[in-house]
Amino acid sequence: MPNEKNPLFRLIWYFWTKGKGKVWKEAHVQQFTKESLGALLDSSGFKPVEWRMFLLGMLMAVKGEKG
């Protein structure tokens, strides 16, 4: 998922939604940060066990296990 706190992602997203990506403007239903996603996992009974940041920190993935 996009890392909404990453300045590079925010800059690229801004220009993308002004040009070819107009269709995606306001497309994200929810915005997640590492903290908010970790809290969501916790509240669902999962424990985050591994975080991966990729594409210069613009995207993140989390691996969780039932805990």
PDB file of N, CA and C in Angstrom:
ATOM      1  N   MET A   1       0.830  -1.162   0.000  1.00  0.00           N
ATOM      2  CA  MET A   1       0.000   0.000   0.000  1.00  0.00           C
ATOM      3  C   MET A   1       0.878   1.229   0.000  1.00  0.00           C
ATOM      4  N   PRO A   2       0.352   2.333  -0.486  1.00  0.00           N
ATOM      5  CA  PRO A   2       1.154   3.555  -0.494  1.00  0.00           C
ATOM      6  C   PRO A   2       1.488   4.013   0.914  1.00  0.00           C
ATOM      7  N   ASN A   3       2.679   4.520   1.081  1.00  0.00           N
ATOM      8  CA  ASN A   3       3.114   5.097   2.345  1.00  0.00           C
ATOM      9  C   ASN A   3       2.809   6.586   2.284  1.00  0.00           C
ATOM     10  N   GLU A   4       1.693   6.982   2.837  1.00  0.00           N
ATOM     11  CA  GLU A   4       1.212   8.358   2.718  1.00  0.00           C
ATOM     12  C   GLU A   4       2.138   9.383   3.360  1.00  0.00           C
ATOM     13  N   LYS A   5       3.015   8.953   4.258  1.00  0.00           N
ATOM     14  CA  LYS A   5       3.932   9.896   4.911  1.00  0.00           C
ATOM     15  C   LYS A   5       5.190  10.154   4.082  1.00  0.00           C
ATOM     16  N   ASN A   6       5.431   9.353   3.057  1.00  0.00           N
ATOM     17  CA  ASN A   6       6.648   9.496   2.264  1.00  0.00           C
ATOM     18  C   ASN A   6       6.555  10.737   1.376  1.00  0.00           C
ATOM     19  N   PRO A   7       7.473  11.696   1.533  1.00  0.00           N
ATOM     20  CA  PRO A   7       7.409  12.927   0.737  1.00  0.00           C
ATOM     21  C   PRO A   7       7.507  12.681  -0.770  1.00  0.00           C
ATOM     22  N   LEU A   8       8.320  11.705  -1.177  1.00  0.00           N
ATOM     23  CA  LEU A   8       8.444  11.413  -2.602  1.00  0.00           C
ATOM     24  C   LEU A   8       7.119  10.889  -3.160  1.00  0.00           C
ATOM     25  N   PHE A   9       6.466   9.981  -2.433  1.00  0.00           N
ATOM     26  CA  PHE A   9       5.162   9.486  -2.878  1.00  0.00           C
ATOM     27  C   PHE A   9       4.160  10.634  -3.001  1.00  0.00           C
ATOM     28  N   ARG A  10       4.129  11.504  -1.997  1.00  0.00           N
ATOM     29  CA  ARG A  10       3.173  12.612  -2.016  1.00  0.00           C
ATOM     30  C   ARG A  10       3.417  13.548  -3.193  1.00  0.00           C
ATOM     31  N   LEU A  11       4.674  13.812  -3.501  1.00  0.00           N
ATOM     32  CA  LEU A  11       5.007  14.672  -4.633  1.00  0.00           C
ATOM     33  C   LEU A  11       4.586  14.024  -5.952  1.00  0.00           C
ATOM     34  N   ILE A  12       4.957  12.759  -6.122  1.00  0.00           N
ATOM     35  CA  ILE A  12       4.591  12.058  -7.359  1.00  0.00           C
ATOM     36  C   ILE A  12       3.069  11.940  -7.486  1.00  0.00           C
ATOM     37  N   TRP A  13       2.394  11.611  -6.385  1.00  0.00           N
ATOM     38  CA  TRP A  13       0.933  11.474  -6.414  1.00  0.00           C
ATOM     39  C   TRP A  13       0.259  12.800  -6.786  1.00  0.00           C
ATOM     40  N   TYR A  14       0.781  13.897  -6.264  1.00  0.00           N
ATOM     41  CA  TYR A  14       0.230  15.212  -6.583  1.00  0.00           C
ATOM     42  C   TYR A  14       0.276  15.462  -8.098  1.00  0.00           C
ATOM     43  N   PHE A  15       1.444  15.269  -8.699  1.00  0.00           N
ATOM     44  CA  PHE A  15       1.571  15.528 -10.131  1.00  0.00           C
ATOM     45  C   PHE A  15       0.836  14.486 -10.961  1.00  0.00           C
ATOM     46  N   TRP A  16       0.806  13.242 -10.499  1.00  0.00           N
ATOM     47  CA  TRP A  16       0.104  12.183 -11.225  1.00  0.00           C
ATOM     48  C   TRP A  16      -1.388  12.504 -11.328  1.00  0.00           C
ATOM     49  N   THR A  17      -1.978  12.981 -10.240  1.00  0.00           N
ATOM     50  CA  THR A  17      -3.416  13.266 -10.263  1.00  0.00           C
ATOM     51  C   THR A  17      -3.743  14.569 -10.990  1.00  0.00           C
ATOM     52  N   LYS A  18      -2.750  15.355 -11.351  1.00  0.00           N
ATOM     53  CA  LYS A  18      -2.970  16.561 -12.148  1.00  0.00           C
ATOM     54  C   LYS A  18      -2.903  16.273 -13.637  1.00  0.00           C
ATOM     55  N   GLY A  19      -2.343  15.122 -14.006  1.00  0.00           N
ATOM     56  CA  GLY A  19      -2.184  14.784 -15.423  1.00  0.00           C
ATOM     57  C   GLY A  19      -2.937  13.518 -15.782  1.00  0.00           C
ATOM     58  N   LYS A  20      -2.185  12.532 -16.253  1.00  0.00           N
ATOM     59  CA  LYS A  20      -2.771  11.271 -16.699  1.00  0.00           C
ATOM     60  C   LYS A  20      -3.585  10.559 -15.623  1.00  0.00           C
ATOM     61  N   GLY A  21      -3.219  10.738 -14.383  1.00  0.00           N
ATOM     62  CA  GLY A  21      -3.865  10.002 -13.308  1.00  0.00           C
ATOM     63  C   GLY A  21      -5.077  10.684 -12.708  1.00  0.00           C
ATOM     64  N   LYS A  22      -5.707  11.606 -13.437  1.00  0.00           N
ATOM     65  CA  LYS A  22      -6.866  12.313 -12.894  1.00  0.00           C
ATOM     66  C   LYS A  22      -7.938  11.363 -12.382  1.00  0.00           C
ATOM     67  N   VAL A  23      -8.080  10.230 -13.035  1.00  0.00           N
ATOM     68  CA  VAL A  23      -9.103   9.265 -12.639  1.00  0.00           C
ATOM     69  C   VAL A  23      -8.849   8.738 -11.225  1.00  0.00           C
ATOM     70  N   TRP A  24      -7.606   8.794 -10.755  1.00  0.00           N
ATOM     71  CA  TRP A  24      -7.267   8.275  -9.434  1.00  0.00           C
ATOM     72  C   TRP A  24      -7.355   9.319  -8.329  1.00  0.00           C
ATOM     73  N   LYS A  25      -7.645  10.575  -8.680  1.00  0.00           N
ATOM     74  CA  LYS A  25      -7.743  11.616  -7.653  1.00  0.00           C
ATOM     75  C   LYS A  25      -8.824  11.227  -6.650  1.00  0.00           C
ATOM     76  N   GLU A  26      -8.503  11.308  -5.386  1.00  0.00           N
ATOM     77  CA  GLU A  26      -9.411  10.952  -4.291  1.00  0.00           C
ATOM     78  C   GLU A  26      -9.818   9.483  -4.331  1.00  0.00           C
ATOM     79  N   ALA A  27      -8.995   8.628  -4.949  1.00  0.00           N
ATOM     80  CA  ALA A  27      -9.336   7.212  -5.092  1.00  0.00           C
ATOM     81  C   ALA A  27      -9.047   6.400  -3.839  1.00  0.00           C
ATOM     82  N   HIS A  28      -8.122   6.844  -3.020  1.00  0.00           N
ATOM     83  CA  HIS A  28      -7.807   6.083  -1.809  1.00  0.00           C
ATOM     84  C   HIS A  28      -8.943   6.260  -0.806  1.00  0.00           C
ATOM     85  N   VAL A  29      -9.572   5.171  -0.474  1.00  0.00           N
ATOM     86  CA  VAL A  29     -10.672   5.226   0.479  1.00  0.00           C
ATOM     87  C   VAL A  29     -10.127   5.480   1.876  1.00  0.00           C
ATOM     88  N   GLN A  30      -8.993   4.852   2.197  1.00  0.00           N
ATOM     89  CA  GLN A  30      -8.357   5.048   3.492  1.00  0.00           C
ATOM     90  C   GLN A  30      -6.877   5.293   3.272  1.00  0.00           C
ATOM     91  N   GLN A  31      -6.327   6.077   4.148  1.00  0.00           N
ATOM     92  CA  GLN A  31      -4.897   6.330   4.111  1.00  0.00           C
ATOM     93  C   GLN A  31      -4.274   5.656   5.320  1.00  0.00           C
ATOM     94  N   PHE A  32      -3.246   4.867   5.073  1.00  0.00           N
ATOM     95  CA  PHE A  32      -2.586   4.146   6.148  1.00  0.00           C
ATOM     96  C   PHE A  32      -1.168   4.640   6.338  1.00  0.00           C
ATOM     97  N   THR A  33      -0.754   4.626   7.582  1.00  0.00           N
ATOM     98  CA  THR A  33       0.646   4.819   7.937  1.00  0.00           C
ATOM     99  C   THR A  33       1.084   3.514   8.599  1.00  0.00           C
ATOM    100  N   LYS A  34       2.353   3.378   8.854  1.00  0.00           N
ATOM    101  CA  LYS A  34       2.837   2.177   9.532  1.00  0.00           C
ATOM    102  C   LYS A  34       2.148   2.030  10.888  1.00  0.00           C
ATOM    103  N   GLU A  35       1.985   3.134  11.576  1.00  0.00           N
ATOM    104  CA  GLU A  35       1.356   3.106  12.898  1.00  0.00           C
ATOM    105  C   GLU A  35      -0.125   2.709  12.820  1.00  0.00           C
ATOM    106  N   SER A  36      -0.853   3.309  11.894  1.00  0.00           N
ATOM    107  CA  SER A  36      -2.290   3.014  11.813  1.00  0.00           C
ATOM    108  C   SER A  36      -2.537   1.594  11.310  1.00  0.00           C
ATOM    109  N   LEU A  37      -1.695   1.122  10.409  1.00  0.00           N
ATOM    110  CA  LEU A  37      -1.862  -0.253   9.924  1.00  0.00           C
ATOM    111  C   LEU A  37      -1.504  -1.255  11.022  1.00  0.00           C
ATOM    112  N   GLY A  38      -0.467  -0.964  11.796  1.00  0.00           N
ATOM    113  CA  GLY A  38      -0.108  -1.822  12.923  1.00  0.00           C
ATOM    114  C   GLY A  38      -1.238  -1.898  13.943  1.00  0.00           C
ATOM    115  N   ALA A  39      -1.875  -0.760  14.218  1.00  0.00           N
ATOM    116  CA  ALA A  39      -3.006  -0.725  15.161  1.00  0.00           C
ATOM    117  C   ALA A  39      -4.190  -1.521  14.616  1.00  0.00           C
ATOM    118  N   LEU A  40      -4.425  -1.436  13.312  1.00  0.00           N
ATOM    119  CA  LEU A  40      -5.516  -2.199  12.699  1.00  0.00           C
ATOM    120  C   LEU A  40      -5.255  -3.696  12.810  1.00  0.00           C
ATOM    121  N   LEU A  41      -4.020  -4.110  12.559  1.00  0.00           N
ATOM    122  CA  LEU A  41      -3.671  -5.520  12.712  1.00  0.00           C
ATOM    123  C   LEU A  41      -3.877  -5.971  14.152  1.00  0.00           C
ATOM    124  N   ASP A  42      -3.395  -5.180  15.093  1.00  0.00           N
ATOM    125  CA  ASP A  42      -3.544  -5.513  16.514  1.00  0.00           C
ATOM    126  C   ASP A  42      -5.018  -5.674  16.889  1.00  0.00           C
ATOM    127  N   SER A  43      -5.846  -4.749  16.447  1.00  0.00           N
ATOM    128  CA  SER A  43      -7.267  -4.800  16.800  1.00  0.00           C
ATOM    129  C   SER A  43      -7.994  -5.972  16.139  1.00  0.00           C
ATOM    130  N   SER A  44      -7.388  -6.535  15.106  1.00  0.00           N
ATOM    131  CA  SER A  44      -7.976  -7.688  14.410  1.00  0.00           C
ATOM    132  C   SER A  44      -7.416  -9.014  14.922  1.00  0.00           C
ATOM    133  N   GLY A  45      -6.562  -8.948  15.952  1.00  0.00           N
ATOM    134  CA  GLY A  45      -6.004 -10.160  16.532  1.00  0.00           C
ATOM    135  C   GLY A  45      -4.740 -10.654  15.848  1.00  0.00           C
ATOM    136  N   PHE A  46      -4.111  -9.789  15.049  1.00  0.00           N
ATOM    137  CA  PHE A  46      -2.865 -10.151  14.379  1.00  0.00           C
ATOM    138  C   PHE A  46      -1.723  -9.350  14.963  1.00  0.00           C
ATOM    139  N   LYS A  47      -0.537  -9.908  14.832  1.00  0.00           N
ATOM    140  CA  LYS A  47       0.672  -9.246  15.301  1.00  0.00           C
ATOM    141  C   LYS A  47       1.572  -9.009  14.093  1.00  0.00           C
ATOM    142  N   PRO A  48       1.963  -7.751  13.823  1.00  0.00           N
ATOM    143  CA  PRO A  48       2.889  -7.512  12.717  1.00  0.00           C
ATOM    144  C   PRO A  48       4.246  -8.140  13.030  1.00  0.00           C
ATOM    145  N   VAL A  49       4.762  -8.959  12.119  1.00  0.00           N
ATOM    146  CA  VAL A  49       6.045  -9.619  12.352  1.00  0.00           C
ATOM    147  C   VAL A  49       7.131  -9.167  11.379  1.00  0.00           C
ATOM    148  N   GLU A  50       6.733  -8.555  10.280  1.00  0.00           N
ATOM    149  CA  GLU A  50       7.740  -8.097   9.312  1.00  0.00           C
ATOM    150  C   GLU A  50       7.169  -6.950   8.481  1.00  0.00           C
ATOM    151  N   TRP A  51       7.945  -5.898   8.387  1.00  0.00           N
ATOM    152  CA  TRP A  51       7.579  -4.746   7.562  1.00  0.00           C
ATOM    153  C   TRP A  51       8.574  -4.636   6.416  1.00  0.00           C
ATOM    154  N   ARG A  52       8.090  -4.331   5.244  1.00  0.00           N
ATOM    155  CA  ARG A  52       8.960  -4.118   4.077  1.00  0.00           C
ATOM    156  C   ARG A  52       8.596  -2.778   3.447  1.00  0.00           C
ATOM    157  N   MET A  53       9.596  -1.986   3.213  1.00  0.00           N
ATOM    158  CA  MET A  53       9.424  -0.738   2.488  1.00  0.00           C
ATOM    159  C   MET A  53      10.140  -0.914   1.154  1.00  0.00           C
ATOM    160  N   PHE A  54       9.506  -0.489   0.075  1.00  0.00           N
ATOM    161  CA  PHE A  54      10.150  -0.613  -1.228  1.00  0.00           C
ATOM    162  C   PHE A  54       9.771   0.564  -2.114  1.00  0.00           C
ATOM    163  N   LEU A  55      10.370   0.633  -3.268  1.00  0.00           N
ATOM    164  CA  LEU A  55      10.267   1.771  -4.182  1.00  0.00           C
ATOM    165  C   LEU A  55      10.586   3.076  -3.458  1.00  0.00           C
ATOM    166  N   LEU A  56      11.792   3.109  -2.904  1.00  0.00           N
ATOM    167  CA  LEU A  56      12.314   4.289  -2.199  1.00  0.00           C
ATOM    168  C   LEU A  56      11.424   4.695  -1.023  1.00  0.00           C
ATOM    169  N   GLY A  57      10.805   3.704  -0.390  1.00  0.00           N
ATOM    170  CA  GLY A  57       9.964   3.968   0.771  1.00  0.00           C
ATOM    171  C   GLY A  57       8.567   4.439   0.444  1.00  0.00           C
ATOM    172  N   MET A  58       8.211   4.457  -0.850  1.00  0.00           N
ATOM    173  CA  MET A  58       6.884   4.934  -1.225  1.00  0.00           C
ATOM    174  C   MET A  58       5.797   3.887  -0.976  1.00  0.00           C
ATOM    175  N   LEU A  59       6.166   2.632  -0.954  1.00  0.00           N
ATOM    176  CA  LEU A  59       5.190   1.560  -0.738  1.00  0.00           C
ATOM    177  C   LEU A  59       5.642   0.716   0.455  1.00  0.00           C
ATOM    178  N   MET A  60       4.666   0.145   1.139  1.00  0.00           N
ATOM    179  CA  MET A  60       4.996  -0.713   2.262  1.00  0.00           C
ATOM    180  C   MET A  60       4.101  -1.936   2.261  1.00  0.00           C
ATOM    181  N   ALA A  61       4.639  -2.998   2.843  1.00  0.00           N
ATOM    182  CA  ALA A  61       3.893  -4.245   2.997  1.00  0.00           C
ATOM    183  C   ALA A  61       4.177  -4.750   4.396  1.00  0.00           C
ATOM    184  N   VAL A  62       3.219  -5.461   4.954  1.00  0.00           N
ATOM    185  CA  VAL A  62       3.389  -6.003   6.297  1.00  0.00           C
ATOM    186  C   VAL A  62       2.980  -7.476   6.289  1.00  0.00           C
ATOM    187  N   LYS A  63       3.743  -8.250   7.014  1.00  0.00           N
ATOM    188  CA  LYS A  63       3.424  -9.673   7.215  1.00  0.00           C
ATOM    189  C   LYS A  63       2.974  -9.805   8.653  1.00  0.00           C
ATOM    190  N   GLY A  64       1.821 -10.405   8.856  1.00  0.00           N
ATOM    191  CA  GLY A  64       1.307 -10.564  10.202  1.00  0.00           C
ATOM    192  C   GLY A  64       0.985 -12.021  10.483  1.00  0.00           C
ATOM    193  N   GLU A  65       0.878 -12.303  11.770  1.00  0.00           N
ATOM    194  CA  GLU A  65       0.477 -13.664  12.165  1.00  0.00           C
ATOM    195  C   GLU A  65      -0.553 -13.547  13.275  1.00  0.00           C
ATOM    196  N   LYS A  66      -1.421 -14.530  13.323  1.00  0.00           N
ATOM    197  CA  LYS A  66      -2.449 -14.548  14.353  1.00  0.00           C
ATOM    198  C   LYS A  66      -1.775 -14.639  15.703  1.00  0.00           C
ATOM    199  N   GLY A  67      -2.115 -13.722  16.590  1.00  0.00           N
ATOM    200  CA  GLY A  67      -1.390 -13.696  17.828  1.00  0.00           C
ATOM    201  C   GLY A  67      -2.303 -13.571  18.972  1.00  0.00           C
TER     202      GLY A  67
END
